[in-house]
Amino acid sequence: MQQGQQQRPVSQNTALQEAVKVGSGGDPTLAAILADTAQTTLQEQLNAEMMGSAPPGASREAQVVAQVDPVDLFSEEAASKWSDLAFMP
């Protein structure tokens, strides 16, 4: 187990194993990828989300966005700005 990771309760491990089994459709390579992602990348993302920050190594932009309320990014006023940028001549 890596430093900073907590031991998951057995019921969560069982649920995770079942989700990996179902999600992989029986493909052992995909099962290994899903299990590894659940134990590493997904945990980092969940921890960062709970702390209100971007994942380690995130770009400056990602760090800024992680600290902003999504409503502020995608409100009606902001949406029109996104639309103007997307359809600029």
PDB file of N, CA and C in Angstrom:
ATOM      1  N   MET A   1       0.841  -1.182   0.000  1.00  0.00           N
ATOM      2  CA  MET A   1       0.000   0.000   0.000  1.00  0.00           C
ATOM      3  C   MET A   1       0.885   1.244   0.000  1.00  0.00           C
ATOM      4  N   GLN A   2       0.529   2.241  -0.812  1.00  0.00           N
ATOM      5  CA  GLN A   2       1.316   3.453  -0.923  1.00  0.00           C
ATOM      6  C   GLN A   2       1.052   4.357   0.264  1.00  0.00           C
ATOM      7  N   GLN A   3       2.038   5.211   0.559  1.00  0.00           N
ATOM      8  CA  GLN A   3       1.896   6.157   1.654  1.00  0.00           C
ATOM      9  C   GLN A   3       0.716   7.087   1.368  1.00  0.00           C
ATOM     10  N   GLY A   4      -0.070   7.347   2.397  1.00  0.00           N
ATOM     11  CA  GLY A   4      -1.200   8.254   2.245  1.00  0.00           C
ATOM     12  C   GLY A   4      -2.495   7.546   1.889  1.00  0.00           C
ATOM     13  N   GLN A   5      -2.417   6.283   1.449  1.00  0.00           N
ATOM     14  CA  GLN A   5      -3.627   5.541   1.131  1.00  0.00           C
ATOM     15  C   GLN A   5      -4.126   4.847   2.382  1.00  0.00           C
ATOM     16  N   GLN A   6      -5.420   4.807   2.549  1.00  0.00           N
ATOM     17  CA  GLN A   6      -6.002   4.143   3.700  1.00  0.00           C
ATOM     18  C   GLN A   6      -6.507   2.772   3.283  1.00  0.00           C
ATOM     19  N   GLN A   7      -6.521   1.843   4.237  1.00  0.00           N
ATOM     20  CA  GLN A   7      -7.059   0.517   3.981  1.00  0.00           C
ATOM     21  C   GLN A   7      -8.564   0.640   3.834  1.00  0.00           C
ATOM     22  N   ARG A   8      -9.111   0.124   2.770  1.00  0.00           N
ATOM     23  CA  ARG A   8     -10.552   0.159   2.530  1.00  0.00           C
ATOM     24  C   ARG A   8     -11.220  -0.979   3.291  1.00  0.00           C
ATOM     25  N   PRO A   9     -12.443  -0.761   3.801  1.00  0.00           N
ATOM     26  CA  PRO A   9     -13.164  -1.849   4.441  1.00  0.00           C
ATOM     27  C   PRO A   9     -13.388  -3.005   3.465  1.00  0.00           C
ATOM     28  N   VAL A  10     -13.496  -4.205   3.999  1.00  0.00           N
ATOM     29  CA  VAL A  10     -13.641  -5.401   3.169  1.00  0.00           C
ATOM     30  C   VAL A  10     -14.846  -5.298   2.249  1.00  0.00           C
ATOM     31  N   SER A  11     -15.964  -4.747   2.729  1.00  0.00           N
ATOM     32  CA  SER A  11     -17.168  -4.646   1.895  1.00  0.00           C
ATOM     33  C   SER A  11     -16.921  -3.758   0.678  1.00  0.00           C
ATOM     34  N   GLN A  12     -16.126  -2.690   0.844  1.00  0.00           N
ATOM     35  CA  GLN A  12     -15.804  -1.839  -0.304  1.00  0.00           C
ATOM     36  C   GLN A  12     -14.883  -2.578  -1.266  1.00  0.00           C
ATOM     37  N   ASN A  13     -13.931  -3.348  -0.738  1.00  0.00           N
ATOM     38  CA  ASN A  13     -13.048  -4.117  -1.609  1.00  0.00           C
ATOM     39  C   ASN A  13     -13.840  -5.126  -2.416  1.00  0.00           C
ATOM     40  N   THR A  14     -14.805  -5.787  -1.772  1.00  0.00           N
ATOM     41  CA  THR A  14     -15.637  -6.761  -2.463  1.00  0.00           C
ATOM     42  C   THR A  14     -16.476  -6.071  -3.530  1.00  0.00           C
ATOM     43  N   ALA A  15     -17.061  -4.917  -3.191  1.00  0.00           N
ATOM     44  CA  ALA A  15     -17.866  -4.162  -4.155  1.00  0.00           C
ATOM     45  C   ALA A  15     -16.999  -3.705  -5.320  1.00  0.00           C
ATOM     46  N   LEU A  16     -15.781  -3.265  -5.023  1.00  0.00           N
ATOM     47  CA  LEU A  16     -14.857  -2.827  -6.067  1.00  0.00           C
ATOM     48  C   LEU A  16     -14.501  -3.988  -6.994  1.00  0.00           C
ATOM     49  N   GLN A  17     -14.195  -5.128  -6.392  1.00  0.00           N
ATOM     50  CA  GLN A  17     -13.850  -6.299  -7.195  1.00  0.00           C
ATOM     51  C   GLN A  17     -15.011  -6.708  -8.101  1.00  0.00           C
ATOM     52  N   GLU A  18     -16.211  -6.636  -7.583  1.00  0.00           N
ATOM     53  CA  GLU A  18     -17.392  -6.990  -8.382  1.00  0.00           C
ATOM     54  C   GLU A  18     -17.595  -5.975  -9.509  1.00  0.00           C
ATOM     55  N   ALA A  19     -17.402  -4.686  -9.211  1.00  0.00           N
ATOM     56  CA  ALA A  19     -17.552  -3.646 -10.233  1.00  0.00           C
ATOM     57  C   ALA A  19     -16.515  -3.823 -11.336  1.00  0.00           C
ATOM     58  N   VAL A  20     -15.287  -4.167 -10.959  1.00  0.00           N
ATOM     59  CA  VAL A  20     -14.220  -4.396 -11.938  1.00  0.00           C
ATOM     60  C   VAL A  20     -14.577  -5.608 -12.802  1.00  0.00           C
ATOM     61  N   LYS A  21     -15.071  -6.646 -12.170  1.00  0.00           N
ATOM     62  CA  LYS A  21     -15.448  -7.875 -12.893  1.00  0.00           C
ATOM     63  C   LYS A  21     -16.554  -7.588 -13.914  1.00  0.00           C
ATOM     64  N   VAL A  22     -17.564  -6.875 -13.484  1.00  0.00           N
ATOM     65  CA  VAL A  22     -18.681  -6.546 -14.376  1.00  0.00           C
ATOM     66  C   VAL A  22     -18.235  -5.576 -15.462  1.00  0.00           C
ATOM     67  N   GLY A  23     -17.504  -4.538 -15.062  1.00  0.00           N
ATOM     68  CA  GLY A  23     -17.066  -3.510 -16.006  1.00  0.00           C
ATOM     69  C   GLY A  23     -16.107  -4.019 -17.061  1.00  0.00           C
ATOM     70  N   SER A  24     -15.327  -5.037 -16.714  1.00  0.00           N
ATOM     71  CA  SER A  24     -14.348  -5.565 -17.668  1.00  0.00           C
ATOM     72  C   SER A  24     -14.954  -6.558 -18.638  1.00  0.00           C
ATOM     73  N   GLY A  25     -16.154  -7.025 -18.347  1.00  0.00           N
ATOM     74  CA  GLY A  25     -16.792  -7.992 -19.240  1.00  0.00           C
ATOM     75  C   GLY A  25     -16.002  -9.284 -19.368  1.00  0.00           C
ATOM     76  N   GLY A  26     -15.214  -9.620 -18.345  1.00  0.00           N
ATOM     77  CA  GLY A  26     -14.432 -10.848 -18.373  1.00  0.00           C
ATOM     78  C   GLY A  26     -13.071 -10.722 -19.031  1.00  0.00           C
ATOM     79  N   ASP A  27     -12.724  -9.555 -19.532  1.00  0.00           N
ATOM     80  CA  ASP A  27     -11.421  -9.337 -20.169  1.00  0.00           C
ATOM     81  C   ASP A  27     -10.382  -9.104 -19.068  1.00  0.00           C
ATOM     82  N   PRO A  28      -9.410 -10.012 -18.897  1.00  0.00           N
ATOM     83  CA  PRO A  28      -8.448  -9.870 -17.803  1.00  0.00           C
ATOM     84  C   PRO A  28      -7.558  -8.630 -17.913  1.00  0.00           C
ATOM     85  N   THR A  29      -7.239  -8.201 -19.118  1.00  0.00           N
ATOM     86  CA  THR A  29      -6.413  -7.002 -19.291  1.00  0.00           C
ATOM     87  C   THR A  29      -7.181  -5.765 -18.844  1.00  0.00           C
ATOM     88  N   LEU A  30      -8.428  -5.649 -19.284  1.00  0.00           N
ATOM     89  CA  LEU A  30      -9.257  -4.516 -18.882  1.00  0.00           C
ATOM     90  C   LEU A  30      -9.515  -4.554 -17.381  1.00  0.00           C
ATOM     91  N   ALA A  31      -9.702  -5.737 -16.818  1.00  0.00           N
ATOM     92  CA  ALA A  31      -9.916  -5.870 -15.373  1.00  0.00           C
ATOM     93  C   ALA A  31      -8.703  -5.341 -14.612  1.00  0.00           C
ATOM     94  N   ALA A  32      -7.503  -5.652 -15.081  1.00  0.00           N
ATOM     95  CA  ALA A  32      -6.285  -5.174 -14.419  1.00  0.00           C
ATOM     96  C   ALA A  32      -6.185  -3.648 -14.503  1.00  0.00           C
ATOM     97  N   ILE A  33      -6.535  -3.098 -15.655  1.00  0.00           N
ATOM     98  CA  ILE A  33      -6.497  -1.639 -15.833  1.00  0.00           C
ATOM     99  C   ILE A  33      -7.510  -0.964 -14.908  1.00  0.00           C
ATOM    100  N   LEU A  34      -8.727  -1.476 -14.874  1.00  0.00           N
ATOM    101  CA  LEU A  34      -9.763  -0.889 -14.028  1.00  0.00           C
ATOM    102  C   LEU A  34      -9.398  -0.984 -12.550  1.00  0.00           C
ATOM    103  N   ALA A  35      -8.870  -2.123 -12.120  1.00  0.00           N
ATOM    104  CA  ALA A  35      -8.485  -2.303 -10.720  1.00  0.00           C
ATOM    105  C   ALA A  35      -7.357  -1.345 -10.346  1.00  0.00           C
ATOM    106  N   ASP A  36      -6.369  -1.218 -11.219  1.00  0.00           N
ATOM    107  CA  ASP A  36      -5.258  -0.308 -10.944  1.00  0.00           C
ATOM    108  C   ASP A  36      -5.737   1.134 -10.881  1.00  0.00           C
ATOM    109  N   THR A  37      -6.605   1.520 -11.798  1.00  0.00           N
ATOM    110  CA  THR A  37      -7.137   2.880 -11.822  1.00  0.00           C
ATOM    111  C   THR A  37      -7.933   3.171 -10.553  1.00  0.00           C
ATOM    112  N   ALA A  38      -8.731   2.213 -10.122  1.00  0.00           N
ATOM    113  CA  ALA A  38      -9.533   2.399  -8.907  1.00  0.00           C
ATOM    114  C   ALA A  38      -8.655   2.561  -7.675  1.00  0.00           C
ATOM    115  N   GLN A  39      -7.508   1.896  -7.659  1.00  0.00           N
ATOM    116  CA  GLN A  39      -6.636   1.949  -6.493  1.00  0.00           C
ATOM    117  C   GLN A  39      -5.670   3.130  -6.522  1.00  0.00           C
ATOM    118  N   THR A  40      -5.441   3.718  -7.675  1.00  0.00           N
ATOM    119  CA  THR A  40      -4.445   4.796  -7.765  1.00  0.00           C
ATOM    120  C   THR A  40      -5.081   6.099  -8.233  1.00  0.00           C
ATOM    121  N   THR A  41      -5.262   6.253  -9.518  1.00  0.00           N
ATOM    122  CA  THR A  41      -5.745   7.510 -10.100  1.00  0.00           C
ATOM    123  C   THR A  41      -7.072   7.950  -9.494  1.00  0.00           C
ATOM    124  N   LEU A  42      -8.013   7.036  -9.378  1.00  0.00           N
ATOM    125  CA  LEU A  42      -9.326   7.394  -8.837  1.00  0.00           C
ATOM    126  C   LEU A  42      -9.206   7.904  -7.406  1.00  0.00           C
ATOM    127  N   GLN A  43      -8.356   7.275  -6.602  1.00  0.00           N
ATOM    128  CA  GLN A  43      -8.171   7.715  -5.215  1.00  0.00           C
ATOM    129  C   GLN A  43      -7.571   9.113  -5.167  1.00  0.00           C
ATOM    130  N   GLU A  44      -6.592   9.380  -6.028  1.00  0.00           N
ATOM    131  CA  GLU A  44      -5.993  10.717  -6.074  1.00  0.00           C
ATOM    132  C   GLU A  44      -7.035  11.766  -6.442  1.00  0.00           C
ATOM    133  N   GLN A  45      -7.874  11.447  -7.417  1.00  0.00           N
ATOM    134  CA  GLN A  45      -8.890  12.393  -7.851  1.00  0.00           C
ATOM    135  C   GLN A  45      -9.932  12.626  -6.762  1.00  0.00           C
ATOM    136  N   LEU A  46     -10.349  11.566  -6.091  1.00  0.00           N
ATOM    137  CA  LEU A  46     -11.323  11.706  -5.013  1.00  0.00           C
ATOM    138  C   LEU A  46     -10.756  12.524  -3.860  1.00  0.00           C
ATOM    139  N   ASN A  47      -9.504  12.252  -3.494  1.00  0.00           N
ATOM    140  CA  ASN A  47      -8.862  13.011  -2.422  1.00  0.00           C
ATOM    141  C   ASN A  47      -8.738  14.481  -2.791  1.00  0.00           C
ATOM    142  N   ALA A  48      -8.353  14.764  -4.015  1.00  0.00           N
ATOM    143  CA  ALA A  48      -8.222  16.156  -4.466  1.00  0.00           C
ATOM    144  C   ALA A  48      -9.578  16.843  -4.466  1.00  0.00           C
ATOM    145  N   GLU A  49     -10.607  16.123  -4.884  1.00  0.00           N
ATOM    146  CA  GLU A  49     -11.953  16.696  -4.922  1.00  0.00           C
ATOM    147  C   GLU A  49     -12.439  17.034  -3.517  1.00  0.00           C
ATOM    148  N   MET A  50     -12.163  16.146  -2.571  1.00  0.00           N
ATOM    149  CA  MET A  50     -12.588  16.397  -1.190  1.00  0.00           C
ATOM    150  C   MET A  50     -11.838  17.583  -0.593  1.00  0.00           C
ATOM    151  N   MET A  51     -10.599  17.785  -0.998  1.00  0.00           N
ATOM    152  CA  MET A  51      -9.797  18.881  -0.479  1.00  0.00           C
ATOM    153  C   MET A  51     -10.012  20.164  -1.269  1.00  0.00           C
ATOM    154  N   GLY A  52     -10.788  20.092  -2.363  1.00  0.00           N
ATOM    155  CA  GLY A  52     -11.063  21.275  -3.165  1.00  0.00           C
ATOM    156  C   GLY A  52      -9.873  21.749  -3.959  1.00  0.00           C
ATOM    157  N   SER A  53      -9.048  20.807  -4.389  1.00  0.00           N
ATOM    158  CA  SER A  53      -7.877  21.192  -5.172  1.00  0.00           C
ATOM    159  C   SER A  53      -7.733  20.269  -6.366  1.00  0.00           C
ATOM    160  N   ALA A  54      -6.885  20.665  -7.288  1.00  0.00           N
ATOM    161  CA  ALA A  54      -6.634  19.861  -8.488  1.00  0.00           C
ATOM    162  C   ALA A  54      -5.715  18.697  -8.128  1.00  0.00           C
ATOM    163  N   PRO A  55      -5.759  17.612  -8.898  1.00  0.00           N
ATOM    164  CA  PRO A  55      -4.870  16.471  -8.661  1.00  0.00           C
ATOM    165  C   PRO A  55      -3.401  16.879  -8.782  1.00  0.00           C
ATOM    166  N   PRO A  56      -2.508  16.121  -8.152  1.00  0.00           N
ATOM    167  CA  PRO A  56      -1.083  16.437  -8.251  1.00  0.00           C
ATOM    168  C   PRO A  56      -0.625  16.489  -9.709  1.00  0.00           C
ATOM    169  N   GLY A  57       0.178  17.483 -10.036  1.00  0.00           N
ATOM    170  CA  GLY A  57       0.691  17.606 -11.399  1.00  0.00           C
ATOM    171  C   GLY A  57      -0.270  18.282 -12.367  1.00  0.00           C
ATOM    172  N   ALA A  58      -1.403  18.762 -11.862  1.00  0.00           N
ATOM    173  CA  ALA A  58      -2.386  19.399 -12.742  1.00  0.00           C
ATOM    174  C   ALA A  58      -1.842  20.721 -13.268  1.00  0.00           C
ATOM    175  N   SER A  59      -2.328  21.112 -14.434  1.00  0.00           N
ATOM    176  CA  SER A  59      -1.906  22.376 -15.037  1.00  0.00           C
ATOM    177  C   SER A  59      -2.389  23.549 -14.189  1.00  0.00           C
ATOM    178  N   ARG A  60      -1.822  24.707 -14.448  1.00  0.00           N
ATOM    179  CA  ARG A  60      -2.230  25.923 -13.731  1.00  0.00           C
ATOM    180  C   ARG A  60      -3.720  26.174 -13.931  1.00  0.00           C
ATOM    181  N   GLU A  61      -4.192  25.964 -15.139  1.00  0.00           N
ATOM    182  CA  GLU A  61      -5.603  26.186 -15.447  1.00  0.00           C
ATOM    183  C   GLU A  61      -6.489  25.243 -14.640  1.00  0.00           C
ATOM    184  N   ALA A  62      -6.081  23.978 -14.569  1.00  0.00           N
ATOM    185  CA  ALA A  62      -6.852  22.992 -13.804  1.00  0.00           C
ATOM    186  C   ALA A  62      -6.889  23.357 -12.332  1.00  0.00           C
ATOM    187  N   GLN A  63      -5.790  23.890 -11.822  1.00  0.00           N
ATOM    188  CA  GLN A  63      -5.744  24.306 -10.426  1.00  0.00           C
ATOM    189  C   GLN A  63      -6.697  25.464 -10.171  1.00  0.00           C
ATOM    190  N   VAL A  64      -6.769  26.408 -11.107  1.00  0.00           N
ATOM    191  CA  VAL A  64      -7.677  27.544 -10.971  1.00  0.00           C
ATOM    192  C   VAL A  64      -9.120  27.065 -11.023  1.00  0.00           C
ATOM    193  N   VAL A  65      -9.435  26.216 -11.981  1.00  0.00           N
ATOM    194  CA  VAL A  65     -10.802  25.709 -12.138  1.00  0.00           C
ATOM    195  C   VAL A  65     -11.228  24.907 -10.912  1.00  0.00           C
ATOM    196  N   ALA A  66     -10.312  24.162 -10.299  1.00  0.00           N
ATOM    197  CA  ALA A  66     -10.634  23.353  -9.124  1.00  0.00           C
ATOM    198  C   ALA A  66     -11.073  24.215  -7.944  1.00  0.00           C
ATOM    199  N   GLN A  67     -10.698  25.477  -7.945  1.00  0.00           N
ATOM    200  CA  GLN A  67     -11.022  26.364  -6.832  1.00  0.00           C
ATOM    201  C   GLN A  67     -12.246  27.238  -7.106  1.00  0.00           C
ATOM    202  N   VAL A  68     -12.881  27.043  -8.261  1.00  0.00           N
ATOM    203  CA  VAL A  68     -14.020  27.869  -8.653  1.00  0.00           C
ATOM    204  C   VAL A  68     -15.288  27.019  -8.611  1.00  0.00           C
ATOM    205  N   ASP A  69     -16.368  27.621  -8.149  1.00  0.00           N
ATOM    206  CA  ASP A  69     -17.658  26.941  -8.138  1.00  0.00           C
ATOM    207  C   ASP A  69     -18.089  26.692  -9.584  1.00  0.00           C
ATOM    208  N   PRO A  70     -18.470  25.449  -9.932  1.00  0.00           N
ATOM    209  CA  PRO A  70     -18.878  25.148 -11.308  1.00  0.00           C
ATOM    210  C   PRO A  70     -20.005  26.044 -11.818  1.00  0.00           C
ATOM    211  N   VAL A  71     -20.859  26.508 -10.938  1.00  0.00           N
ATOM    212  CA  VAL A  71     -21.939  27.406 -11.348  1.00  0.00           C
ATOM    213  C   VAL A  71     -21.362  28.687 -11.933  1.00  0.00           C
ATOM    214  N   ASP A  72     -20.243  29.146 -11.360  1.00  0.00           N
ATOM    215  CA  ASP A  72     -19.608  30.356 -11.877  1.00  0.00           C
ATOM    216  C   ASP A  72     -19.018  30.128 -13.264  1.00  0.00           C
ATOM    217  N   LEU A  73     -18.597  28.904 -13.539  1.00  0.00           N
ATOM    218  CA  LEU A  73     -18.027  28.595 -14.855  1.00  0.00           C
ATOM    219  C   LEU A  73     -19.100  28.420 -15.917  1.00  0.00           C
ATOM    220  N   PHE A  74     -20.254  27.881 -15.516  1.00  0.00           N
ATOM    221  CA  PHE A  74     -21.255  27.494 -16.496  1.00  0.00           C
ATOM    222  C   PHE A  74     -22.604  28.164 -16.294  1.00  0.00           C
ATOM    223  N   SER A  75     -22.629  29.305 -15.625  1.00  0.00           N
ATOM    224  CA  SER A  75     -23.875  30.055 -15.476  1.00  0.00           C
ATOM    225  C   SER A  75     -24.302  30.583 -16.846  1.00  0.00           C
ATOM    226  N   GLU A  76     -25.464  31.175 -16.906  1.00  0.00           N
ATOM    227  CA  GLU A  76     -25.969  31.686 -18.191  1.00  0.00           C
ATOM    228  C   GLU A  76     -25.026  32.726 -18.790  1.00  0.00           C
ATOM    229  N   GLU A  77     -24.536  33.632 -17.948  1.00  0.00           N
ATOM    230  CA  GLU A  77     -23.620  34.671 -18.426  1.00  0.00           C
ATOM    231  C   GLU A  77     -22.315  34.039 -18.928  1.00  0.00           C
ATOM    232  N   ALA A  78     -21.771  33.101 -18.155  1.00  0.00           N
ATOM    233  CA  ALA A  78     -20.524  32.442 -18.554  1.00  0.00           C
ATOM    234  C   ALA A  78     -20.737  31.594 -19.805  1.00  0.00           C
ATOM    235  N   ALA A  79     -21.903  30.970 -19.915  1.00  0.00           N
ATOM    236  CA  ALA A  79     -22.185  30.119 -21.074  1.00  0.00           C
ATOM    237  C   ALA A  79     -22.166  30.937 -22.358  1.00  0.00           C
ATOM    238  N   SER A  80     -22.666  32.160 -22.303  1.00  0.00           N
ATOM    239  CA  SER A  80     -22.658  32.982 -23.517  1.00  0.00           C
ATOM    240  C   SER A  80     -21.223  33.342 -23.912  1.00  0.00           C
ATOM    241  N   LYS A  81     -20.352  33.513 -22.914  1.00  0.00           N
ATOM    242  CA  LYS A  81     -18.954  33.787 -23.219  1.00  0.00           C
ATOM    243  C   LYS A  81     -18.283  32.573 -23.868  1.00  0.00           C
ATOM    244  N   TRP A  82     -18.603  31.372 -23.324  1.00  0.00           N
ATOM    245  CA  TRP A  82     -18.071  30.141 -23.924  1.00  0.00           C
ATOM    246  C   TRP A  82     -18.566  30.012 -25.364  1.00  0.00           C
ATOM    247  N   SER A  83     -19.839  30.332 -25.575  1.00  0.00           N
ATOM    248  CA  SER A  83     -20.428  30.246 -26.903  1.00  0.00           C
ATOM    249  C   SER A  83     -19.744  31.236 -27.852  1.00  0.00           C
ATOM    250  N   ASP A  84     -19.505  32.454 -27.369  1.00  0.00           N
ATOM    251  CA  ASP A  84     -18.823  33.460 -28.208  1.00  0.00           C
ATOM    252  C   ASP A  84     -17.431  32.961 -28.606  1.00  0.00           C
ATOM    253  N   LEU A  85     -16.714  32.366 -27.665  1.00  0.00           N
ATOM    254  CA  LEU A  85     -15.373  31.843 -27.965  1.00  0.00           C
ATOM    255  C   LEU A  85     -15.442  30.681 -28.964  1.00  0.00           C
ATOM    256  N   ALA A  86     -16.400  29.805 -28.771  1.00  0.00           N
ATOM    257  CA  ALA A  86     -16.485  28.618 -29.618  1.00  0.00           C
ATOM    258  C   ALA A  86     -16.835  28.962 -31.062  1.00  0.00           C
ATOM    259  N   PHE A  87     -17.656  29.973 -31.241  1.00  0.00           N
ATOM    260  CA  PHE A  87     -18.135  30.285 -32.591  1.00  0.00           C
ATOM    261  C   PHE A  87     -17.564  31.593 -33.123  1.00  0.00           C
ATOM    262  N   MET A  88     -16.386  31.968 -32.628  1.00  0.00           N
ATOM    263  CA  MET A  88     -15.725  33.178 -33.084  1.00  0.00           C
ATOM    264  C   MET A  88     -15.335  33.035 -34.562  1.00  0.00           C
ATOM    265  N   PRO A  89     -15.491  34.096 -35.351  1.00  0.00           N
ATOM    266  CA  PRO A  89     -15.121  33.985 -36.764  1.00  0.00           C
ATOM    267  C   PRO A  89     -13.611  33.848 -36.944  1.00  0.00           C
TER     268      PRO A  89
END
